[in-house]
């Protein structure tokens, strides 16, 4: 019989933490992605340049390197700034906070391009018609652009989410007790690495498989009344 040698509850706790990191990171990425997309489409050169630099730099540096830079570099920076405000004790950055900020920051760049493309896919004529009926720019975006861009963004959004979930495995290197780190500790104690890493692989597969099913359901919902060509 398949056994986890008493480490089942520990792996389960790590899985819950992995889900928490994934969801909070996704929310940060969505916020940054929307801000980045709007900046690129704003027509303001400075905002567009900042957004372009953000997406170019983030997409050009490996996720692992960014994780280490933000965690260790951020820790050094915080401890250098602290004394300037009269705080002389050493400050430890919370691994959970560092993890979600890093992953959210990374995938915000990918979401920027996803949302930008989705906004551009919405018919300009509909927006102009809404403006002609007296809608403000914000109202036209909320009532015309946003509902339609969701449908166009869903395929790219889904791919980003699936990659984001797998990227959470990187938080184990900064000391966060996700399921990868829990599995590593259990494997070291029992000398059964294949068993525990196989469980982690199955857990990730379950999360992504359920995500694919839910995303397809959402896509069908947003495609109601839309004729496929």
Protein backbone atom coordinates (compact mmCIF):
# COMPACT_ATOMS: atom_id res chain seq x y z
CA UNK A 1 0.00 0.00 0.00
CA UNK A 2 1.20 3.51 -0.88
CA UNK A 3 2.50 5.18 2.27
CA UNK A 4 3.70 8.67 3.11
CA UNK A 5 5.35 7.52 6.34
CA UNK A 6 3.30 9.90 8.45
CA UNK A 7 4.13 12.96 6.32
CA UNK A 8 0.71 13.11 4.65
CA UNK A 9 -0.62 15.99 6.81
CA UNK A 10 2.62 17.94 6.27
CA UNK A 11 2.36 17.58 2.47
CA UNK A 12 -1.30 18.60 2.66
CA UNK A 13 -0.39 21.76 4.60
CA UNK A 14 2.24 22.54 1.98
CA UNK A 15 -0.33 22.06 -0.79
CA UNK A 16 -2.71 24.53 0.87
CA UNK A 17 0.13 27.04 1.16
CA UNK A 18 0.98 26.53 -2.51
CA UNK A 19 -2.62 27.32 -3.44
CA UNK A 20 -2.58 30.43 -1.25
CA UNK A 21 0.64 31.67 -2.89
CA UNK A 22 -0.82 30.96 -6.34
CA UNK A 23 -4.09 32.80 -5.77
CA UNK A 24 -2.63 35.88 -4.06
CA UNK A 25 0.13 36.09 -6.69
CA UNK A 26 -2.52 35.89 -9.43
CA UNK A 27 -4.43 38.81 -7.93
CA UNK A 28 -1.26 40.92 -7.84
CA UNK A 29 -0.42 39.90 -11.41
CA UNK A 30 -3.90 40.83 -12.63
CA UNK A 31 -3.67 44.27 -11.02
CA UNK A 32 -0.22 44.95 -12.45
CA UNK A 33 -1.26 43.50 -15.79
CA UNK A 34 -4.28 45.77 -16.11
CA UNK A 35 -2.26 48.83 -15.07
CA UNK A 36 0.48 47.89 -17.53
CA UNK A 37 -1.96 47.34 -20.38
CA UNK A 38 -3.73 50.64 -19.76
CA UNK A 39 -0.37 52.41 -19.55
CA UNK A 40 0.70 50.99 -22.90
CA UNK A 41 -2.57 52.05 -24.51
CA UNK A 42 -2.85 55.39 -22.73
CA UNK A 43 -1.18 57.42 -25.44
CA UNK A 44 1.09 58.97 -22.80
CA UNK A 45 4.64 58.34 -23.91
CA UNK A 46 6.20 58.22 -20.44
CA UNK A 47 3.64 55.68 -19.13
CA UNK A 48 3.97 53.55 -22.24
CA UNK A 49 7.76 53.59 -21.91
CA UNK A 50 7.64 52.52 -18.25
CA UNK A 51 5.25 49.68 -19.09
CA UNK A 52 7.42 48.61 -22.03
CA UNK A 53 10.55 48.55 -19.88
CA UNK A 54 8.70 46.56 -17.22
CA UNK A 55 7.53 43.85 -19.61
CA UNK A 56 10.84 43.70 -21.49
CA UNK A 57 13.03 43.39 -18.40
CA UNK A 58 10.83 40.94 -16.52
CA UNK A 59 10.32 38.64 -19.49
CA UNK A 60 14.05 38.67 -20.20
CA UNK A 61 15.27 37.52 -16.76
CA UNK A 62 14.78 33.95 -15.46
CA UNK A 63 12.16 33.60 -12.73
CA UNK A 64 14.64 31.96 -10.35
CA UNK A 65 17.08 34.85 -10.67
CA UNK A 66 14.30 37.37 -10.04
CA UNK A 67 13.16 35.44 -6.97
CA UNK A 68 16.67 35.53 -5.50
CA UNK A 69 17.24 39.17 -6.43
CA UNK A 70 13.99 40.38 -4.89
CA UNK A 71 14.24 38.26 -1.75
CA UNK A 72 17.91 38.78 -0.88
CA UNK A 73 18.29 42.16 -2.53
CA UNK A 74 15.09 43.39 -0.91
CA UNK A 75 16.31 42.22 2.47
CA UNK A 76 19.56 44.14 2.07
CA UNK A 77 17.71 47.25 0.91
CA UNK A 78 15.22 47.16 3.79
CA UNK A 79 17.99 46.79 6.35
CA UNK A 80 19.89 49.70 4.83
CA UNK A 81 16.82 51.94 4.89
CA UNK A 82 15.72 50.92 8.41
CA UNK A 83 18.41 52.87 10.34
CA UNK A 84 17.46 56.04 8.48
CA UNK A 85 14.07 55.84 10.21
CA UNK A 86 15.54 55.00 13.63
CA UNK A 87 15.06 51.23 13.38
CA UNK A 88 18.37 49.50 14.14
CA UNK A 89 17.25 45.88 14.54
CA UNK A 90 17.74 43.40 11.70
CA UNK A 91 14.63 43.00 9.55
CA UNK A 92 13.75 39.60 8.12
CA UNK A 93 11.53 39.72 5.05
CA UNK A 94 8.63 37.30 5.30
CA UNK A 95 9.15 34.52 2.69
CA UNK A 96 5.41 34.41 1.93
CA UNK A 97 5.34 38.15 1.23
CA UNK A 98 8.51 37.95 -0.86
CA UNK A 99 7.14 34.98 -2.77
CA UNK A 100 3.77 36.44 -3.71
CA UNK A 101 5.27 39.84 -4.60
CA UNK A 102 7.93 38.27 -6.80
CA UNK A 103 5.59 35.89 -8.63
CA UNK A 104 2.91 38.57 -8.94
CA UNK A 105 5.50 41.02 -10.28
CA UNK A 106 6.79 38.47 -12.81
CA UNK A 107 3.39 37.45 -14.15
CA UNK A 108 2.12 41.01 -14.13
CA UNK A 109 4.39 41.47 -17.17
CA UNK A 110 2.79 38.55 -18.98
CA UNK A 111 -0.70 39.65 -17.99
CA UNK A 112 0.09 43.11 -19.36
CA UNK A 113 0.51 41.70 -22.86
CA UNK A 114 -2.51 39.42 -22.47
CA UNK A 115 -4.79 42.27 -21.39
CA UNK A 116 -3.38 44.68 -23.95
CA UNK A 117 -4.13 42.27 -26.77
CA UNK A 118 -7.60 41.61 -25.40
CA UNK A 119 -8.43 45.32 -25.20
CA UNK A 120 -7.22 45.87 -28.76
CA UNK A 121 -9.45 43.01 -29.93
CA UNK A 122 -12.59 44.89 -28.84
CA UNK A 123 -14.23 46.74 -31.74
CA UNK A 124 -13.31 50.41 -31.67
CA UNK A 125 -16.65 51.23 -33.26
CA UNK A 126 -18.56 49.99 -30.21
CA UNK A 127 -16.51 52.22 -27.93
CA UNK A 128 -17.09 55.20 -30.20
CA UNK A 129 -20.82 54.42 -30.25
CA UNK A 130 -20.88 54.36 -26.44
CA UNK A 131 -19.11 57.71 -26.33
CA UNK A 132 -21.62 59.11 -28.83
CA UNK A 133 -24.42 58.06 -26.45
CA UNK A 134 -22.85 60.17 -23.73
CA UNK A 135 -20.80 57.57 -21.85
CA UNK A 136 -17.66 58.75 -20.11
CA UNK A 137 -14.39 56.98 -20.91
CA UNK A 138 -14.59 55.06 -17.63
CA UNK A 139 -18.19 53.99 -18.22
CA UNK A 140 -17.42 52.91 -21.78
CA UNK A 141 -14.53 50.84 -20.49
CA UNK A 142 -16.60 49.26 -17.71
CA UNK A 143 -19.70 48.50 -19.76
CA UNK A 144 -18.29 47.86 -23.25
CA UNK A 145 -14.56 47.12 -23.23
CA UNK A 146 -14.16 45.14 -20.01
CA UNK A 147 -16.91 42.52 -20.56
CA UNK A 148 -15.69 41.82 -24.09
CA UNK A 149 -11.98 41.84 -23.32
CA UNK A 150 -12.54 39.09 -20.76
CA UNK A 151 -13.52 36.69 -23.53
CA UNK A 152 -10.48 37.59 -25.61
CA UNK A 153 -8.14 37.45 -22.61
CA UNK A 154 -9.25 34.08 -21.22
CA UNK A 155 -7.01 31.79 -23.36
CA UNK A 156 -3.85 33.78 -22.53
CA UNK A 157 -4.98 34.29 -18.95
CA UNK A 158 -5.46 30.55 -18.54
CA UNK A 159 -1.99 29.77 -19.87
CA UNK A 160 -0.45 32.36 -17.53
CA UNK A 161 -2.31 30.88 -14.56
CA UNK A 162 -1.10 27.35 -15.31
CA UNK A 163 2.52 28.49 -15.60
CA UNK A 164 2.14 30.64 -12.46
CA UNK A 165 0.97 27.63 -10.43
CA UNK A 166 4.06 25.67 -11.43
CA UNK A 167 6.31 28.66 -10.78
CA UNK A 168 5.25 28.65 -7.12
CA UNK A 169 7.68 25.75 -6.66
CA UNK A 170 10.43 28.40 -6.62
CA UNK A 171 9.30 29.75 -3.25
CA UNK A 172 10.82 26.68 -1.61
CA UNK A 173 14.30 28.10 -2.26
CA UNK A 174 13.62 31.13 -0.05
CA UNK A 175 12.46 28.98 2.86
CA UNK A 176 8.70 29.01 2.42
CA UNK A 177 7.13 25.71 3.49
CA UNK A 178 5.18 24.97 0.32
CA UNK A 179 4.59 21.38 -0.76
CA UNK A 180 7.92 21.19 -2.62
CA UNK A 181 9.88 22.13 0.50
CA UNK A 182 7.73 19.85 2.66
CA UNK A 183 8.37 17.00 0.24
CA UNK A 184 12.10 17.73 0.27
CA UNK A 185 12.23 17.58 4.08
CA UNK A 186 10.21 14.37 4.12
CA UNK A 187 12.39 12.84 1.40
CA UNK A 188 15.53 13.69 3.37
CA UNK A 189 14.16 12.15 6.56
CA UNK A 190 12.89 8.94 4.96
CA UNK A 191 15.30 8.61 2.02
CA UNK A 192 12.30 8.15 -0.26
CA UNK A 193 12.62 11.10 -2.66
CA UNK A 194 10.74 9.45 -5.53
CA UNK A 195 7.69 8.83 -3.35
CA UNK A 196 7.33 12.39 -2.11
CA UNK A 197 8.22 14.18 -5.33
CA UNK A 198 5.77 11.92 -7.16
CA UNK A 199 3.06 13.09 -4.74
CA UNK A 200 4.00 16.71 -5.44
CA UNK A 201 3.84 16.06 -9.20
CA UNK A 202 0.39 14.51 -8.85
CA UNK A 203 -0.80 17.44 -6.71
CA UNK A 204 0.34 19.96 -9.31
CA UNK A 205 -1.31 17.89 -12.03
CA UNK A 206 -4.58 17.84 -10.09
CA UNK A 207 -4.49 21.61 -9.56
CA UNK A 208 -3.78 22.33 -13.23
CA UNK A 209 -6.32 19.78 -14.47
CA UNK A 210 -9.10 21.28 -12.33
CA UNK A 211 -8.01 24.74 -13.48
CA UNK A 212 -8.24 23.71 -17.15
CA UNK A 213 -11.75 22.35 -16.59
CA UNK A 214 -12.92 25.53 -14.83
CA UNK A 215 -11.30 27.79 -17.44
CA UNK A 216 -13.03 25.92 -20.28
CA UNK A 217 -16.34 26.32 -18.46
CA UNK A 218 -15.75 30.07 -18.08
CA UNK A 219 -14.74 30.37 -21.74
CA UNK A 220 -17.97 28.66 -22.82
CA UNK A 221 -19.96 31.01 -20.64
CA UNK A 222 -18.36 34.12 -22.11
CA UNK A 223 -18.73 32.74 -25.64
CA UNK A 224 -22.52 32.40 -25.45
CA UNK A 225 -24.06 34.26 -28.38
CA UNK A 226 -20.72 34.69 -30.13
CA UNK A 227 -20.52 33.17 -33.57
CA UNK A 228 -17.30 31.28 -34.31
CA UNK A 229 -15.66 31.91 -37.69
